[in-house]
Amino acid sequence: ERQLVESGGGSVQAGGSLRISCTASGFTFDVSGVGWYRDGPGNECELVSSIGFDGSTYYADSVKGRFTVSLDNAKSTVYLQMNSLKPEDTAVYHCAADGWAWISFGGTCQSSRSHFVYWGQGTQVTVSS
C-alpha cells in the first residue's frame, strides 16, 4: 500500500525541541518533494514547510528560523526539526506529497487532503507554556 507515515510527535514545554518524520511506503518522492501542514488560526490549513527534490525549501513566517526541513532520499524520509517551540505550534502535523501546489488552503486540513495524492495520518505536537 502506498502511504505516508509520520512519527516523532509528542509533548514538550515551550522552548523545547522535537523532530518529526515522514516516511514514504510503497512509492518514492517525486521532484515536487514533500510538505508539512497543520491546522492554523482562522480556519486555514497552513503550509508550515516544504522541501523539493532539489533541496529547495520553504518556511512559513511563523516558523522561520526555528524549524528546519530535510530530506533523506535513501530512506524516503523527510524530517522536520522543530526548535524553540511555542504553545501556538501545538497542532496535528501532516505530511503531504504529489499535489498541485505548495500553498496554504482555506478550511481544515481534513478538507484539504484531497489536494494531494498522498497525505499522512498526522502526528500530534503539544507545546505547554
N, C-alpha and C. Protein backbone atom coordinates (compact mmCIF):
# COMPACT_ATOMS: atom_id res chain seq x y z
N GLU A 1 0.85 -1.20 0.00
CA GLU A 1 0.00 0.00 0.00
C GLU A 1 0.88 1.24 0.00
N ARG A 2 0.55 2.19 -0.87
CA ARG A 2 1.30 3.44 -0.94
C ARG A 2 0.77 4.39 0.12
N GLN A 3 1.63 4.84 1.00
CA GLN A 3 1.18 5.74 2.04
C GLN A 3 2.34 6.51 2.63
N LEU A 4 1.99 7.59 3.32
CA LEU A 4 2.94 8.37 4.10
C LEU A 4 2.68 8.08 5.57
N VAL A 5 3.75 7.89 6.31
CA VAL A 5 3.62 7.58 7.74
C VAL A 5 4.46 8.56 8.53
N GLU A 6 3.78 9.33 9.40
CA GLU A 6 4.50 10.27 10.27
C GLU A 6 4.81 9.63 11.61
N SER A 7 5.85 10.14 12.25
CA SER A 7 6.19 9.70 13.60
C SER A 7 6.98 10.79 14.29
N GLY A 8 7.13 10.64 15.61
CA GLY A 8 8.01 11.54 16.36
C GLY A 8 7.32 12.65 17.11
N GLY A 9 6.01 12.75 17.03
CA GLY A 9 5.33 13.79 17.78
C GLY A 9 5.40 13.53 19.28
N GLY A 10 4.91 14.48 20.05
CA GLY A 10 4.90 14.31 21.49
C GLY A 10 4.58 15.62 22.19
N SER A 11 4.86 15.64 23.49
CA SER A 11 4.58 16.82 24.31
C SER A 11 5.88 17.38 24.86
N VAL A 12 6.03 18.69 24.75
CA VAL A 12 7.22 19.36 25.28
C VAL A 12 6.80 20.68 25.89
N GLN A 13 7.68 21.25 26.70
CA GLN A 13 7.44 22.58 27.23
C GLN A 13 7.93 23.61 26.23
N ALA A 14 7.39 24.80 26.36
CA ALA A 14 7.80 25.90 25.50
C ALA A 14 9.32 26.06 25.56
N GLY A 15 9.90 26.28 24.38
CA GLY A 15 11.35 26.40 24.30
C GLY A 15 12.05 25.10 23.96
N GLY A 16 11.31 24.00 24.04
CA GLY A 16 11.87 22.69 23.76
C GLY A 16 11.93 22.38 22.27
N SER A 17 12.38 21.14 21.96
CA SER A 17 12.56 20.71 20.58
C SER A 17 11.93 19.35 20.35
N LEU A 18 11.52 19.13 19.12
CA LEU A 18 11.04 17.83 18.67
C LEU A 18 11.47 17.67 17.22
N ARG A 19 11.64 16.41 16.81
CA ARG A 19 11.83 16.12 15.40
C ARG A 19 10.77 15.12 14.98
N ILE A 20 10.05 15.49 13.94
CA ILE A 20 9.04 14.60 13.39
C ILE A 20 9.49 14.12 12.02
N SER A 21 9.03 12.91 11.67
CA SER A 21 9.47 12.27 10.44
C SER A 21 8.28 11.88 9.59
N CYS A 22 8.53 11.79 8.31
CA CYS A 22 7.52 11.37 7.34
C CYS A 22 8.18 10.41 6.36
N THR A 23 7.74 9.18 6.35
CA THR A 23 8.34 8.15 5.51
C THR A 23 7.36 7.67 4.46
N ALA A 24 7.83 7.60 3.23
CA ALA A 24 7.02 7.08 2.13
C ALA A 24 7.13 5.56 2.09
N SER A 25 5.98 4.92 2.02
CA SER A 25 5.94 3.47 1.94
C SER A 25 5.28 3.06 0.64
N GLY A 26 5.98 2.28 -0.18
CA GLY A 26 5.40 1.80 -1.42
C GLY A 26 5.57 2.72 -2.61
N PHE A 27 6.24 3.85 -2.43
CA PHE A 27 6.50 4.77 -3.54
C PHE A 27 7.69 5.64 -3.17
N THR A 28 8.18 6.40 -4.14
CA THR A 28 9.28 7.33 -3.89
C THR A 28 8.80 8.75 -4.16
N PHE A 29 9.43 9.69 -3.49
CA PHE A 29 9.06 11.09 -3.67
C PHE A 29 9.40 11.54 -5.08
N ASP A 30 8.53 12.38 -5.66
CA ASP A 30 8.84 12.92 -6.98
C ASP A 30 9.51 14.28 -6.83
N VAL A 31 9.73 14.95 -7.97
CA VAL A 31 10.52 16.19 -7.94
C VAL A 31 9.85 17.30 -7.14
N SER A 32 8.55 17.23 -6.97
CA SER A 32 7.87 18.29 -6.22
C SER A 32 8.14 18.22 -4.73
N GLY A 33 8.60 17.07 -4.26
CA GLY A 33 9.00 16.97 -2.86
C GLY A 33 7.85 16.71 -1.90
N VAL A 34 8.02 17.21 -0.68
CA VAL A 34 7.10 16.92 0.43
C VAL A 34 6.81 18.20 1.20
N GLY A 35 5.62 18.31 1.71
CA GLY A 35 5.27 19.45 2.54
C GLY A 35 4.71 19.02 3.88
N TRP A 36 4.82 19.91 4.85
CA TRP A 36 4.23 19.70 6.18
C TRP A 36 3.12 20.72 6.39
N TYR A 37 1.98 20.23 6.87
CA TYR A 37 0.82 21.08 7.11
C TYR A 37 0.32 20.95 8.54
N ARG A 38 -0.37 21.98 9.01
CA ARG A 38 -1.04 21.93 10.30
C ARG A 38 -2.27 22.85 10.23
N ASP A 39 -3.24 22.59 11.06
CA ASP A 39 -4.39 23.48 11.13
C ASP A 39 -3.97 24.76 11.83
N GLY A 40 -4.07 25.88 11.10
CA GLY A 40 -3.67 27.16 11.64
C GLY A 40 -4.85 27.97 12.14
N PRO A 41 -4.58 29.15 12.70
CA PRO A 41 -5.68 30.01 13.18
C PRO A 41 -6.49 30.52 12.00
N GLY A 42 -7.70 30.88 12.24
CA GLY A 42 -8.51 31.45 11.19
C GLY A 42 -8.97 30.47 10.14
N ASN A 43 -9.24 29.24 10.53
CA ASN A 43 -9.78 28.23 9.61
C ASN A 43 -8.91 28.07 8.36
N GLU A 44 -7.66 27.76 8.59
CA GLU A 44 -6.71 27.60 7.50
C GLU A 44 -5.88 26.35 7.71
N CYS A 45 -5.62 25.63 6.62
CA CYS A 45 -4.67 24.53 6.65
C CYS A 45 -3.34 25.14 6.22
N GLU A 46 -2.49 25.38 7.19
CA GLU A 46 -1.26 26.15 6.97
C GLU A 46 -0.11 25.28 6.45
N LEU A 47 0.49 25.71 5.36
CA LEU A 47 1.74 25.08 4.90
C LEU A 47 2.86 25.57 5.81
N VAL A 48 3.39 24.67 6.61
CA VAL A 48 4.44 25.01 7.56
C VAL A 48 5.80 25.04 6.86
N SER A 49 6.06 24.02 6.04
CA SER A 49 7.34 23.92 5.38
C SER A 49 7.23 22.94 4.23
N SER A 50 8.10 23.09 3.26
CA SER A 50 8.18 22.13 2.16
C SER A 50 9.62 22.02 1.71
N ILE A 51 9.92 20.89 1.07
CA ILE A 51 11.25 20.68 0.52
C ILE A 51 11.10 19.97 -0.81
N GLY A 52 11.80 20.49 -1.82
CA GLY A 52 11.77 19.90 -3.13
C GLY A 52 12.85 18.84 -3.29
N PHE A 53 12.74 18.07 -4.35
CA PHE A 53 13.71 17.02 -4.62
C PHE A 53 15.10 17.61 -4.82
N ASP A 54 15.14 18.90 -5.28
CA ASP A 54 16.43 19.57 -5.49
C ASP A 54 16.96 20.22 -4.23
N GLY A 55 16.23 20.06 -3.12
CA GLY A 55 16.68 20.61 -1.85
C GLY A 55 16.15 21.99 -1.55
N SER A 56 15.40 22.58 -2.46
CA SER A 56 14.83 23.90 -2.21
C SER A 56 13.82 23.80 -1.07
N THR A 57 13.78 24.83 -0.25
CA THR A 57 12.91 24.79 0.93
C THR A 57 12.02 26.02 1.05
N TYR A 58 10.94 25.85 1.77
CA TYR A 58 10.04 26.93 2.10
C TYR A 58 9.68 26.82 3.57
N TYR A 59 9.56 27.97 4.24
CA TYR A 59 9.10 28.02 5.62
C TYR A 59 8.07 29.13 5.79
N ALA A 60 7.02 28.84 6.52
CA ALA A 60 6.07 29.87 6.88
C ALA A 60 6.77 30.88 7.79
N ASP A 61 6.33 32.13 7.72
CA ASP A 61 6.94 33.16 8.56
C ASP A 61 6.87 32.79 10.04
N SER A 62 5.81 32.09 10.41
CA SER A 62 5.59 31.76 11.82
C SER A 62 6.63 30.78 12.37
N VAL A 63 7.35 30.07 11.49
CA VAL A 63 8.32 29.07 11.96
C VAL A 63 9.73 29.35 11.45
N LYS A 64 9.88 30.36 10.63
CA LYS A 64 11.18 30.66 10.04
C LYS A 64 12.22 30.92 11.13
N GLY A 65 13.37 30.30 11.00
CA GLY A 65 14.43 30.46 11.99
C GLY A 65 14.34 29.49 13.14
N ARG A 66 13.23 28.77 13.26
CA ARG A 66 13.05 27.80 14.35
C ARG A 66 12.95 26.36 13.83
N PHE A 67 12.35 26.18 12.65
CA PHE A 67 12.15 24.85 12.09
C PHE A 67 13.12 24.64 10.92
N THR A 68 13.54 23.39 10.75
CA THR A 68 14.40 23.02 9.64
C THR A 68 13.88 21.73 9.01
N VAL A 69 13.67 21.77 7.70
CA VAL A 69 13.21 20.59 6.98
C VAL A 69 14.38 19.97 6.22
N SER A 70 14.41 18.64 6.17
CA SER A 70 15.47 17.95 5.45
C SER A 70 14.92 16.69 4.82
N LEU A 71 15.65 16.21 3.80
CA LEU A 71 15.19 15.06 3.02
C LEU A 71 16.30 14.03 2.93
N ASP A 72 15.97 12.80 3.25
CA ASP A 72 16.89 11.68 3.07
C ASP A 72 16.28 10.77 2.01
N ASN A 73 16.73 10.94 0.77
CA ASN A 73 16.15 10.17 -0.33
C ASN A 73 16.39 8.67 -0.18
N ALA A 74 17.53 8.31 0.35
CA ALA A 74 17.85 6.89 0.51
C ALA A 74 16.86 6.19 1.43
N LYS A 75 16.33 6.94 2.38
CA LYS A 75 15.37 6.38 3.33
C LYS A 75 13.93 6.78 2.99
N SER A 76 13.76 7.54 1.91
CA SER A 76 12.42 8.05 1.54
C SER A 76 11.75 8.71 2.73
N THR A 77 12.52 9.51 3.42
CA THR A 77 12.04 10.13 4.65
C THR A 77 12.35 11.62 4.66
N VAL A 78 11.38 12.40 5.11
CA VAL A 78 11.55 13.82 5.33
C VAL A 78 11.43 14.09 6.82
N TYR A 79 12.30 14.97 7.30
CA TYR A 79 12.31 15.32 8.71
C TYR A 79 11.95 16.79 8.90
N LEU A 80 11.31 17.08 10.01
CA LEU A 80 11.07 18.47 10.39
C LEU A 80 11.59 18.64 11.81
N GLN A 81 12.73 19.31 11.92
CA GLN A 81 13.32 19.61 13.22
C GLN A 81 12.70 20.90 13.73
N MET A 82 12.09 20.83 14.89
CA MET A 82 11.37 21.97 15.45
C MET A 82 12.04 22.40 16.76
N ASN A 83 12.63 23.58 16.74
CA ASN A 83 13.30 24.13 17.92
C ASN A 83 12.55 25.35 18.45
N SER A 84 12.87 25.73 19.66
CA SER A 84 12.24 26.91 20.28
C SER A 84 10.73 26.87 20.12
N LEU A 85 10.17 25.73 20.45
CA LEU A 85 8.74 25.54 20.25
C LEU A 85 7.91 26.47 21.13
N LYS A 86 6.77 26.88 20.59
CA LYS A 86 5.85 27.79 21.28
C LYS A 86 4.49 27.10 21.43
N PRO A 87 3.69 27.51 22.40
CA PRO A 87 2.37 26.90 22.55
C PRO A 87 1.54 26.99 21.28
N GLU A 88 1.71 28.04 20.51
CA GLU A 88 0.95 28.17 19.26
C GLU A 88 1.39 27.20 18.17
N ASP A 89 2.46 26.45 18.41
CA ASP A 89 2.87 25.40 17.47
C ASP A 89 2.09 24.11 17.71
N THR A 90 1.31 24.07 18.78
CA THR A 90 0.51 22.89 19.09
C THR A 90 -0.47 22.60 17.95
N ALA A 91 -0.40 21.39 17.41
CA ALA A 91 -1.26 21.00 16.28
C ALA A 91 -0.97 19.55 15.92
N VAL A 92 -1.82 19.02 15.07
CA VAL A 92 -1.50 17.76 14.39
C VAL A 92 -0.78 18.13 13.10
N TYR A 93 0.39 17.58 12.90
CA TYR A 93 1.20 17.87 11.72
C TYR A 93 1.05 16.73 10.72
N HIS A 94 0.69 17.11 9.49
CA HIS A 94 0.51 16.15 8.41
C HIS A 94 1.58 16.38 7.35
N CYS A 95 2.12 15.30 6.79
CA CYS A 95 2.96 15.47 5.61
C CYS A 95 2.14 15.12 4.37
N ALA A 96 2.54 15.72 3.26
CA ALA A 96 1.80 15.54 2.02
C ALA A 96 2.77 15.45 0.86
N ALA A 97 2.35 14.76 -0.19
CA ALA A 97 3.19 14.64 -1.38
C ALA A 97 2.31 14.49 -2.62
N ASP A 98 2.90 14.87 -3.76
CA ASP A 98 2.24 14.75 -5.06
C ASP A 98 0.95 15.56 -5.09
N GLY A 99 1.11 16.88 -4.94
CA GLY A 99 -0.01 17.80 -5.03
C GLY A 99 0.21 18.76 -6.18
N TRP A 100 -0.70 19.71 -6.35
CA TRP A 100 -0.58 20.62 -7.49
C TRP A 100 0.13 21.91 -7.12
N ALA A 101 0.29 22.21 -5.84
CA ALA A 101 0.99 23.43 -5.43
C ALA A 101 1.28 23.38 -3.94
N TRP A 102 2.39 24.02 -3.57
CA TRP A 102 2.72 24.14 -2.14
C TRP A 102 2.20 25.49 -1.65
N ILE A 103 0.96 25.48 -1.19
CA ILE A 103 0.33 26.68 -0.66
C ILE A 103 -0.51 26.29 0.54
N SER A 104 -0.90 27.31 1.33
CA SER A 104 -1.85 27.07 2.40
C SER A 104 -3.25 27.06 1.80
N PHE A 105 -4.18 26.39 2.47
CA PHE A 105 -5.54 26.26 1.96
C PHE A 105 -6.54 26.78 2.99
N GLY A 106 -7.62 27.32 2.51
CA GLY A 106 -8.70 27.70 3.40
C GLY A 106 -9.41 26.44 3.88
N GLY A 107 -9.92 26.49 5.10
CA GLY A 107 -10.59 25.32 5.65
C GLY A 107 -9.64 24.47 6.46
N THR A 108 -10.15 23.36 6.96
CA THR A 108 -9.33 22.49 7.79
C THR A 108 -8.41 21.62 6.94
N CYS A 109 -7.42 21.03 7.60
CA CYS A 109 -6.54 20.13 6.88
C CYS A 109 -7.29 18.86 6.46
N GLN A 110 -8.30 18.50 7.24
CA GLN A 110 -9.09 17.33 6.85
C GLN A 110 -9.73 17.56 5.48
N SER A 111 -10.19 18.79 5.24
CA SER A 111 -10.82 19.09 3.95
C SER A 111 -9.80 19.37 2.86
N SER A 112 -8.56 19.62 3.22
CA SER A 112 -7.54 19.98 2.24
C SER A 112 -6.78 18.77 1.71
N ARG A 113 -6.95 17.63 2.36
CA ARG A 113 -6.16 16.47 1.97
C ARG A 113 -6.43 16.03 0.54
N SER A 114 -7.57 16.40 -0.01
CA SER A 114 -7.92 15.98 -1.37
C SER A 114 -7.05 16.63 -2.43
N HIS A 115 -6.28 17.66 -2.05
CA HIS A 115 -5.39 18.33 -3.00
C HIS A 115 -4.13 17.50 -3.28
N PHE A 116 -3.96 16.42 -2.53
CA PHE A 116 -2.73 15.64 -2.65
C PHE A 116 -3.05 14.18 -2.90
N VAL A 117 -2.16 13.51 -3.63
CA VAL A 117 -2.30 12.07 -3.84
C VAL A 117 -1.99 11.34 -2.54
N TYR A 118 -0.96 11.83 -1.84
CA TYR A 118 -0.54 11.19 -0.60
C TYR A 118 -0.67 12.17 0.57
N TRP A 119 -1.24 11.70 1.66
CA TRP A 119 -1.49 12.55 2.85
C TRP A 119 -1.35 11.65 4.07
N GLY A 120 -0.48 12.01 4.97
CA GLY A 120 -0.25 11.20 6.16
C GLY A 120 -1.34 11.36 7.21
N GLN A 121 -1.38 10.42 8.11
CA GLN A 121 -2.44 10.42 9.13
C GLN A 121 -2.22 11.48 10.20
N GLY A 122 -1.01 11.99 10.29
CA GLY A 122 -0.74 13.07 11.23
C GLY A 122 -0.05 12.61 12.50
N THR A 123 0.72 13.50 13.08
CA THR A 123 1.36 13.25 14.38
C THR A 123 1.13 14.47 15.26
N GLN A 124 0.72 14.23 16.50
CA GLN A 124 0.35 15.32 17.42
C GLN A 124 1.60 15.92 18.05
N VAL A 125 1.66 17.25 18.01
CA VAL A 125 2.70 18.00 18.71
C VAL A 125 1.99 18.92 19.70
N THR A 126 2.34 18.80 20.96
CA THR A 126 1.73 19.60 22.01
C THR A 126 2.81 20.36 22.77
N VAL A 127 2.67 21.68 22.82
CA VAL A 127 3.66 22.52 23.50
C VAL A 127 2.96 23.24 24.64
N SER A 128 3.42 23.01 25.84
CA SER A 128 2.81 23.64 27.02
C SER A 128 3.63 24.83 27.46
N SER A 129 2.93 25.80 28.04
CA SER A 129 3.61 27.03 28.48
C SER A 129 4.13 26.89 29.89
